[in-house]
N, C-alpha and C. Protein backbone atom coordinates (compact mmCIF):
# COMPACT_ATOMS: atom_id res chain seq x y z
N MET A 1 19.42 -19.73 -25.72
CA MET A 1 19.92 -18.66 -25.08
C MET A 1 18.85 -17.85 -24.28
N ALA A 2 19.08 -17.56 -23.00
CA ALA A 2 18.14 -17.05 -22.16
C ALA A 2 17.01 -16.04 -22.62
N PRO A 3 17.69 -14.95 -23.36
CA PRO A 3 16.39 -13.80 -23.84
C PRO A 3 15.39 -14.36 -24.41
N GLU A 4 15.88 -15.39 -25.61
CA GLU A 4 15.01 -15.95 -26.31
C GLU A 4 13.73 -16.90 -25.82
N ARG A 5 14.50 -17.43 -24.59
CA ARG A 5 13.50 -18.42 -23.83
C ARG A 5 12.68 -17.58 -22.95
N ILE A 6 13.08 -16.34 -22.43
CA ILE A 6 12.34 -15.39 -21.70
C ILE A 6 11.26 -14.64 -22.63
N LEU A 7 11.63 -14.36 -23.60
CA LEU A 7 10.65 -13.63 -24.51
C LEU A 7 9.47 -14.73 -24.78
N LYS A 8 9.88 -15.71 -25.31
CA LYS A 8 8.93 -16.77 -25.48
C LYS A 8 7.87 -17.08 -24.21
N GLY A 9 8.47 -17.22 -23.28
CA GLY A 9 7.55 -17.62 -21.80
C GLY A 9 6.41 -16.45 -21.80
N TYR A 10 7.28 -15.32 -21.83
CA TYR A 10 6.27 -13.93 -21.48
C TYR A 10 5.15 -13.93 -22.60
N LEU A 11 5.37 -14.28 -23.64
CA LEU A 11 4.25 -14.10 -24.92
C LEU A 11 3.54 -15.32 -24.60
N CYS A 12 3.99 -16.54 -24.53
CA CYS A 12 3.13 -17.70 -24.16
C CYS A 12 2.17 -17.32 -22.75
N ALA A 13 2.63 -16.87 -21.88
CA ALA A 13 1.88 -16.64 -20.67
C ALA A 13 0.77 -15.37 -21.24
N CYS A 14 1.25 -14.52 -21.86
CA CYS A 14 0.18 -13.38 -22.13
C CYS A 14 -1.20 -14.03 -23.04
N LEU A 15 -0.55 -14.98 -23.92
CA LEU A 15 -1.91 -15.70 -24.57
C LEU A 15 -2.79 -16.27 -23.64
N VAL A 16 -1.94 -17.00 -22.66
CA VAL A 16 -2.87 -17.97 -21.87
C VAL A 16 -3.74 -16.99 -21.10
N ALA A 17 -3.25 -16.01 -20.57
CA ALA A 17 -4.06 -15.13 -19.80
C ALA A 17 -5.40 -14.55 -20.50
N ALA A 18 -5.05 -14.00 -21.60
CA ALA A 18 -5.95 -13.57 -22.36
C ALA A 18 -7.22 -14.38 -22.87
N ALA A 19 -6.52 -15.75 -23.08
CA ALA A 19 -7.57 -16.71 -23.46
C ALA A 19 -8.39 -17.29 -22.04
N THR A 20 -7.73 -17.13 -20.95
CA THR A 20 -8.57 -17.43 -19.67
C THR A 20 -9.81 -16.23 -19.58
N VAL A 21 -9.25 -15.19 -19.83
CA VAL A 21 -10.32 -14.00 -19.57
C VAL A 21 -11.42 -14.16 -20.66
N VAL A 22 -10.93 -14.51 -21.99
CA VAL A 22 -12.02 -14.42 -23.01
C VAL A 22 -12.98 -15.75 -22.54
N LEU A 23 -12.42 -16.78 -22.16
CA LEU A 23 -13.03 -18.15 -21.73
C LEU A 23 -14.06 -17.78 -20.36
N GLY A 24 -13.60 -17.14 -19.55
CA GLY A 24 -14.30 -16.68 -18.36
C GLY A 24 -15.40 -15.76 -18.91
N VAL A 25 -15.34 -14.93 -20.06
CA VAL A 25 -16.52 -14.01 -20.23
C VAL A 25 -17.56 -15.22 -21.08
N VAL A 26 -17.14 -15.96 -21.80
CA VAL A 26 -17.98 -17.13 -22.37
C VAL A 26 -18.85 -17.71 -21.56
N ILE A 27 -18.10 -18.27 -20.73
CA ILE A 27 -18.66 -19.09 -19.67
C ILE A 27 -19.73 -18.06 -18.75
N GLN A 28 -19.50 -17.17 -18.65
CA GLN A 28 -20.61 -16.30 -17.71
C GLN A 28 -21.74 -16.10 -18.55
N PHE A 29 -21.83 -15.59 -19.75
CA PHE A 29 -22.73 -15.54 -20.56
C PHE A 29 -23.07 -16.80 -21.27
N PHE A 30 -22.95 -17.76 -21.21
CA PHE A 30 -23.28 -19.21 -21.64
C PHE A 30 -24.58 -19.42 -21.83
N ASP A 31 -25.33 -19.14 -20.81
CA ASP A 31 -26.76 -19.29 -20.60
C ASP A 31 -27.77 -18.58 -21.72
N LEU A 32 -27.10 -17.41 -22.29
CA LEU A 32 -28.03 -16.83 -23.05
C LEU A 32 -28.31 -17.39 -24.16
N PRO A 33 -29.79 -17.16 -24.79
CA PRO A 33 -30.24 -17.81 -25.79
C PRO A 33 -29.53 -17.68 -27.36
N GLU A 34 -28.74 -16.21 -27.29
CA GLU A 34 -28.31 -15.79 -28.57
C GLU A 34 -27.06 -16.54 -28.79
N ILE A 35 -26.34 -16.89 -27.74
CA ILE A 35 -24.94 -17.88 -27.51
C ILE A 35 -25.16 -19.02 -28.45
N ILE A 36 -26.37 -19.94 -28.22
CA ILE A 36 -26.52 -20.85 -29.25
C ILE A 36 -26.52 -20.72 -30.42
N ASP A 37 -26.81 -19.94 -31.11
CA ASP A 37 -26.70 -19.62 -32.79
C ASP A 37 -25.40 -19.03 -32.63
N ILE A 38 -24.17 -19.99 -32.97
CA ILE A 38 -23.07 -19.39 -33.14
C ILE A 38 -22.83 -18.79 -34.59
N SER A 39 -22.50 -17.77 -35.12
CA SER A 39 -22.28 -17.24 -36.36
C SER A 39 -20.76 -16.70 -36.52
N ILE A 40 -20.56 -16.48 -37.66
CA ILE A 40 -19.07 -16.02 -38.02
C ILE A 40 -19.15 -14.53 -37.28
N ASN A 41 -19.98 -13.86 -37.12
CA ASN A 41 -19.82 -12.63 -36.37
C ASN A 41 -19.62 -12.91 -34.75
N TYR A 42 -19.99 -13.93 -34.10
CA TYR A 42 -19.83 -14.28 -32.89
C TYR A 42 -18.42 -14.64 -32.75
N ILE A 43 -17.96 -15.46 -33.57
CA ILE A 43 -16.55 -15.97 -33.76
C ILE A 43 -15.49 -14.60 -33.95
N ALA A 44 -15.83 -13.93 -34.80
CA ALA A 44 -14.94 -12.80 -35.22
C ALA A 44 -15.01 -12.06 -34.03
N ALA A 45 -15.84 -11.81 -33.29
CA ALA A 45 -15.93 -10.42 -32.07
C ALA A 45 -15.15 -11.24 -30.88
N HIS A 46 -15.08 -12.71 -30.62
CA HIS A 46 -14.40 -13.16 -29.54
C HIS A 46 -12.82 -13.12 -30.03
N LEU A 47 -12.62 -13.17 -31.41
CA LEU A 47 -11.02 -13.25 -32.11
C LEU A 47 -10.76 -11.90 -31.93
N VAL A 48 -11.53 -10.97 -32.01
CA VAL A 48 -11.03 -9.65 -31.50
C VAL A 48 -10.86 -9.09 -30.52
N ALA A 49 -11.66 -9.66 -29.41
CA ALA A 49 -11.57 -9.41 -27.99
C ALA A 49 -10.47 -10.00 -27.58
N TYR A 50 -9.97 -11.25 -28.24
CA TYR A 50 -8.96 -12.12 -27.63
C TYR A 50 -7.79 -11.32 -27.91
N LEU A 51 -7.56 -10.59 -29.36
CA LEU A 51 -6.20 -9.90 -29.65
C LEU A 51 -5.99 -8.84 -29.06
N LEU A 52 -7.32 -7.96 -28.68
CA LEU A 52 -7.19 -6.68 -27.71
C LEU A 52 -6.62 -7.27 -26.45
N LEU A 53 -7.30 -8.25 -25.62
CA LEU A 53 -7.04 -8.73 -24.54
C LEU A 53 -5.37 -8.98 -24.26
N PHE A 54 -4.85 -9.66 -25.37
CA PHE A 54 -3.43 -10.17 -25.50
C PHE A 54 -2.54 -8.78 -25.63
N LEU A 55 -3.11 -7.86 -26.32
CA LEU A 55 -2.23 -6.72 -26.41
C LEU A 55 -2.14 -5.86 -25.13
N ILE A 56 -3.34 -5.94 -24.41
CA ILE A 56 -3.30 -5.12 -23.06
C ILE A 56 -2.66 -6.03 -21.97
N THR A 57 -2.67 -7.40 -21.99
CA THR A 57 -2.12 -8.02 -21.04
C THR A 57 -0.17 -7.89 -21.49
N LEU A 58 -0.01 -7.69 -22.61
CA LEU A 58 1.42 -7.27 -22.63
C LEU A 58 1.97 -6.30 -22.17
N ILE A 59 1.26 -5.22 -22.35
CA ILE A 59 1.32 -3.92 -21.81
C ILE A 59 1.50 -3.77 -20.32
N VAL A 60 0.34 -4.34 -19.61
CA VAL A 60 -0.20 -4.33 -18.23
C VAL A 60 0.87 -4.94 -17.43
N ALA A 61 1.19 -6.14 -17.91
CA ALA A 61 2.08 -6.85 -17.00
C ALA A 61 3.73 -7.00 -17.16
N VAL A 62 4.03 -5.99 -18.04
CA VAL A 62 5.41 -6.18 -18.53
C VAL A 62 6.10 -5.50 -17.50
N LEU A 63 5.90 -4.62 -16.64
CA LEU A 63 6.67 -4.12 -15.54
C LEU A 63 6.77 -5.17 -14.28
N PRO A 64 5.54 -5.72 -13.75
CA PRO A 64 5.65 -6.57 -12.61
C PRO A 64 6.51 -8.17 -13.25
N ALA A 65 6.13 -8.34 -14.30
CA ALA A 65 6.55 -9.54 -14.69
C ALA A 65 8.29 -9.44 -15.22
N SER A 66 8.64 -8.42 -15.63
CA SER A 66 9.88 -8.08 -15.66
C SER A 66 10.64 -8.33 -14.17
N LEU A 67 9.98 -8.06 -13.23
CA LEU A 67 10.86 -7.86 -11.81
C LEU A 67 10.73 -9.14 -11.39
N VAL A 68 9.64 -9.63 -11.78
CA VAL A 68 9.79 -11.43 -11.28
C VAL A 68 10.71 -12.20 -11.96
N ILE A 69 10.61 -11.90 -13.25
CA ILE A 69 11.64 -12.77 -13.98
C ILE A 69 12.76 -12.52 -13.76
N ILE A 70 13.34 -11.31 -13.76
CA ILE A 70 14.81 -10.85 -13.51
C ILE A 70 15.32 -11.17 -12.28
N ALA A 71 14.56 -11.36 -10.96
CA ALA A 71 14.89 -11.83 -9.89
C ALA A 71 14.89 -13.62 -9.82
N GLY A 72 13.94 -14.13 -10.75
CA GLY A 72 14.08 -15.49 -10.96
C GLY A 72 15.32 -15.90 -11.51
N GLU A 73 16.00 -15.20 -12.64
CA GLU A 73 16.82 -15.40 -13.31
C GLU A 73 17.95 -14.90 -12.28
N VAL A 74 18.35 -14.21 -11.55
CA VAL A 74 19.31 -13.93 -10.88
C VAL A 74 19.49 -14.78 -9.77
N PHE A 75 18.51 -15.42 -9.14
CA PHE A 75 18.63 -15.93 -8.08
C PHE A 75 18.43 -17.60 -8.37
N SER A 76 18.31 -17.91 -9.53
CA SER A 76 17.93 -19.00 -10.12
C SER A 76 16.89 -20.01 -9.49
N ILE A 77 15.75 -19.24 -9.42
CA ILE A 77 14.68 -19.73 -8.91
C ILE A 77 13.69 -20.50 -9.51
N ARG A 78 13.46 -21.74 -9.74
CA ARG A 78 12.84 -22.58 -10.40
C ARG A 78 11.70 -23.21 -10.22
N ASN A 79 10.94 -22.48 -9.04
CA ASN A 79 9.88 -23.29 -8.40
C ASN A 79 8.85 -22.57 -9.02
N VAL A 80 7.71 -23.43 -9.28
CA VAL A 80 6.32 -23.07 -10.06
C VAL A 80 5.50 -21.91 -9.15
N TRP A 81 5.71 -21.99 -7.85
CA TRP A 81 4.90 -21.16 -7.23
C TRP A 81 5.59 -19.66 -6.98
N TYR A 82 6.70 -19.87 -7.31
CA TYR A 82 7.26 -18.26 -7.60
C TYR A 82 6.83 -17.55 -8.53
N TYR A 83 6.40 -18.45 -9.88
CA TYR A 83 5.84 -17.51 -10.90
C TYR A 83 4.57 -17.40 -10.81
N MET A 84 3.65 -18.26 -10.13
CA MET A 84 2.27 -18.48 -10.23
C MET A 84 1.72 -17.47 -9.39
N ALA A 85 2.23 -17.31 -8.17
CA ALA A 85 2.01 -16.37 -7.07
C ALA A 85 1.64 -14.92 -7.26
N PRO A 86 2.94 -14.44 -8.03
CA PRO A 86 2.92 -13.03 -8.27
C PRO A 86 2.01 -12.72 -9.43
N ALA A 87 1.79 -13.77 -10.46
CA ALA A 87 1.04 -13.60 -11.46
C ALA A 87 -0.31 -13.39 -11.29
N ALA A 88 -0.79 -14.28 -10.45
CA ALA A 88 -2.24 -13.99 -9.56
C ALA A 88 -2.41 -12.84 -8.99
N ALA A 89 -1.31 -12.36 -8.29
CA ALA A 89 -1.24 -10.97 -7.62
C ALA A 89 -1.76 -9.94 -8.54
N VAL A 90 -1.07 -9.99 -9.63
CA VAL A 90 -1.06 -8.91 -11.10
C VAL A 90 -2.52 -9.00 -11.43
N GLY A 91 -3.14 -10.46 -11.66
CA GLY A 91 -4.37 -10.55 -12.03
C GLY A 91 -5.34 -9.89 -11.08
N PHE A 92 -5.16 -10.04 -9.60
CA PHE A 92 -6.06 -9.51 -8.56
C PHE A 92 -6.15 -8.09 -8.85
N TRP A 93 -4.58 -7.59 -8.97
CA TRP A 93 -4.37 -6.08 -8.91
C TRP A 93 -5.08 -5.55 -9.91
N VAL A 94 -4.98 -6.21 -11.16
CA VAL A 94 -6.04 -5.50 -12.28
C VAL A 94 -7.23 -5.33 -12.16
N THR A 95 -8.07 -5.98 -11.59
CA THR A 95 -9.45 -5.68 -11.07
C THR A 95 -9.79 -4.49 -10.17
N TRP A 96 -8.77 -4.39 -9.55
CA TRP A 96 -8.87 -2.72 -8.80
C TRP A 96 -8.27 -1.51 -9.33
N VAL A 97 -7.67 -1.71 -10.24
CA VAL A 97 -6.94 -0.67 -10.67
C VAL A 97 -7.48 -0.28 -12.25
N ILE A 98 -7.62 -1.09 -13.10
CA ILE A 98 -8.16 -0.77 -14.54
C ILE A 98 -9.19 0.47 -14.44
N ASP A 99 -10.17 0.12 -14.08
CA ASP A 99 -11.55 1.38 -14.17
C ASP A 99 -12.03 1.44 -12.78
N GLY A 100 -11.68 1.10 -12.00
CA GLY A 100 -12.36 1.29 -10.50
C GLY A 100 -13.67 0.92 -10.27
N VAL A 101 -13.84 -0.22 -10.94
CA VAL A 101 -15.40 -0.73 -11.01
C VAL A 101 -15.21 -1.83 -9.91
N GLN A 102 -16.38 -2.15 -8.91
CA GLN A 102 -16.13 -3.27 -8.26
C GLN A 102 -16.64 -4.51 -9.08
N TYR A 103 -15.69 -5.23 -9.06
CA TYR A 103 -15.82 -6.72 -9.81
C TYR A 103 -16.63 -7.75 -8.99
N SER A 104 -17.30 -8.48 -9.88
CA SER A 104 -17.95 -9.74 -8.77
C SER A 104 -17.16 -10.55 -8.50
N ALA A 105 -17.45 -11.47 -7.50
CA ALA A 105 -16.55 -12.60 -7.36
C ALA A 105 -16.12 -13.45 -8.45
N PHE A 106 -17.00 -13.68 -9.50
CA PHE A 106 -16.58 -14.67 -10.30
C PHE A 106 -15.54 -13.92 -11.34
N ASP A 107 -15.90 -12.33 -11.70
CA ASP A 107 -14.71 -11.83 -12.58
C ASP A 107 -13.54 -11.91 -11.83
N THR A 108 -13.51 -11.28 -10.58
CA THR A 108 -12.26 -11.40 -9.88
C THR A 108 -11.62 -12.59 -9.88
N GLY A 109 -12.31 -13.77 -9.84
CA GLY A 109 -11.72 -15.14 -9.77
C GLY A 109 -11.08 -15.40 -11.17
N VAL A 110 -11.74 -15.10 -12.28
CA VAL A 110 -11.50 -15.14 -13.49
C VAL A 110 -9.83 -14.53 -14.02
N PHE A 111 -9.74 -13.10 -13.33
CA PHE A 111 -8.62 -12.60 -13.51
C PHE A 111 -7.50 -13.06 -12.97
N VAL A 112 -7.62 -13.44 -11.34
CA VAL A 112 -6.81 -14.45 -10.56
C VAL A 112 -6.35 -15.77 -11.52
N ALA A 113 -7.18 -16.46 -11.61
CA ALA A 113 -7.05 -17.66 -12.66
C ALA A 113 -6.07 -17.32 -13.79
N ALA A 114 -6.40 -16.18 -14.43
CA ALA A 114 -5.80 -15.92 -15.57
C ALA A 114 -4.35 -15.62 -15.30
N GLY A 115 -3.99 -14.90 -14.23
CA GLY A 115 -2.72 -14.60 -13.66
C GLY A 115 -1.95 -15.86 -13.38
N ALA A 116 -2.82 -16.81 -12.65
CA ALA A 116 -2.05 -17.84 -12.12
C ALA A 116 -1.84 -18.88 -13.16
N LEU A 117 -2.51 -18.92 -14.10
CA LEU A 117 -2.35 -19.91 -15.36
C LEU A 117 -1.18 -19.17 -16.37
N ALA A 118 -1.09 -17.68 -16.23
CA ALA A 118 -0.10 -17.44 -17.15
C ALA A 118 1.29 -17.53 -16.29
N GLY A 119 1.28 -17.50 -15.22
CA GLY A 119 2.60 -17.83 -14.27
C GLY A 119 2.78 -19.18 -14.65
N LEU A 120 1.88 -20.19 -14.49
CA LEU A 120 2.34 -21.67 -14.72
C LEU A 120 2.75 -21.72 -16.00
N MET A 121 2.15 -21.30 -16.84
CA MET A 121 2.78 -21.10 -18.65
C MET A 121 4.03 -20.78 -18.67
N TYR A 122 4.11 -19.56 -17.94
CA TYR A 122 5.65 -19.01 -17.92
C TYR A 122 6.63 -20.08 -17.22
N TRP A 123 6.32 -20.50 -16.26
CA TRP A 123 7.15 -21.55 -15.55
C TRP A 123 7.42 -22.81 -16.51
N TYR A 124 6.52 -23.05 -17.43
CA TYR A 124 6.50 -24.26 -18.13
C TYR A 124 7.34 -24.14 -19.32
N VAL A 125 7.52 -22.86 -19.91
CA VAL A 125 8.09 -22.46 -21.04
C VAL A 125 9.54 -22.02 -20.55
N ALA A 126 9.48 -21.15 -19.59
CA ALA A 126 10.94 -20.41 -19.55
C ALA A 126 11.46 -20.69 -18.14
N GLY A 127 10.64 -20.51 -16.94
CA GLY A 127 10.80 -20.39 -15.55
C GLY A 127 11.67 -21.84 -15.05
N ARG A 128 11.48 -23.00 -15.76
CA ARG A 128 11.91 -24.23 -15.16
C ARG A 128 13.61 -24.21 -15.46
N ASP A 129 13.78 -23.42 -16.64
CA ASP A 129 15.25 -23.44 -17.05
C ASP A 129 16.04 -21.99 -16.25
N ALA A 130 15.29 -21.21 -15.32
CA ALA A 130 15.87 -20.22 -15.02
C ALA A 130 17.25 -20.13 -14.57
N ALA A 131 18.02 -19.15 -15.24
CA ALA A 131 19.66 -18.87 -14.89
C ALA A 131 20.35 -20.09 -15.54
N ARG A 132 19.77 -21.14 -16.60
CA ARG A 132 20.32 -21.80 -17.36
C ARG A 132 20.57 -21.31 -18.56
N GLY A 133 21.37 -21.27 -19.33
CA GLY A 133 21.93 -20.73 -20.66
C GLY A 133 22.91 -19.74 -20.49
N SER A 134 22.99 -18.95 -21.71
CA SER A 134 23.90 -17.74 -21.54
C SER A 134 23.36 -16.55 -21.98
N TRP A 135 23.89 -15.53 -21.13
CA TRP A 135 23.43 -14.20 -21.42
C TRP A 135 24.54 -13.54 -22.35
N PRO A 136 23.97 -12.66 -23.23
CA PRO A 136 25.12 -11.83 -24.10
C PRO A 136 26.04 -10.97 -23.17
N ARG A 137 27.05 -11.35 -23.40
CA ARG A 137 28.20 -10.42 -22.62
C ARG A 137 28.41 -9.03 -23.23
N PHE A 138 28.36 -7.86 -22.60
CA PHE A 138 28.68 -6.54 -23.52
C PHE A 138 30.21 -6.07 -22.98
């Protein structure tokens, strides 16, 4: 059924976006000597950061994602670029709106990549089957 497919795709996309941002943070600070000594506190801190980013992603992306998903379902758009481009644009938009700080090119690239990968994941889980399945009739 379509609503379950859409919800599953949205949740998977938000998980991928949050994981990409956490991975970008880890890559950015990978050369620090403290990172070499991986402890349970280090792992727990990244897990908490990942869960918080997942929740923030769910909240921030719900409106733009809803507009793209509804249009994709109504017009039966199954093109991967249709889902990746707006998601990457939302990733870029987040770097300008969240706190007004000028981010580095690497940070902006991480957010854009997170959006693009989230769009790709949504397409893989749900967008390939846009407008297939039945909607509940009221």
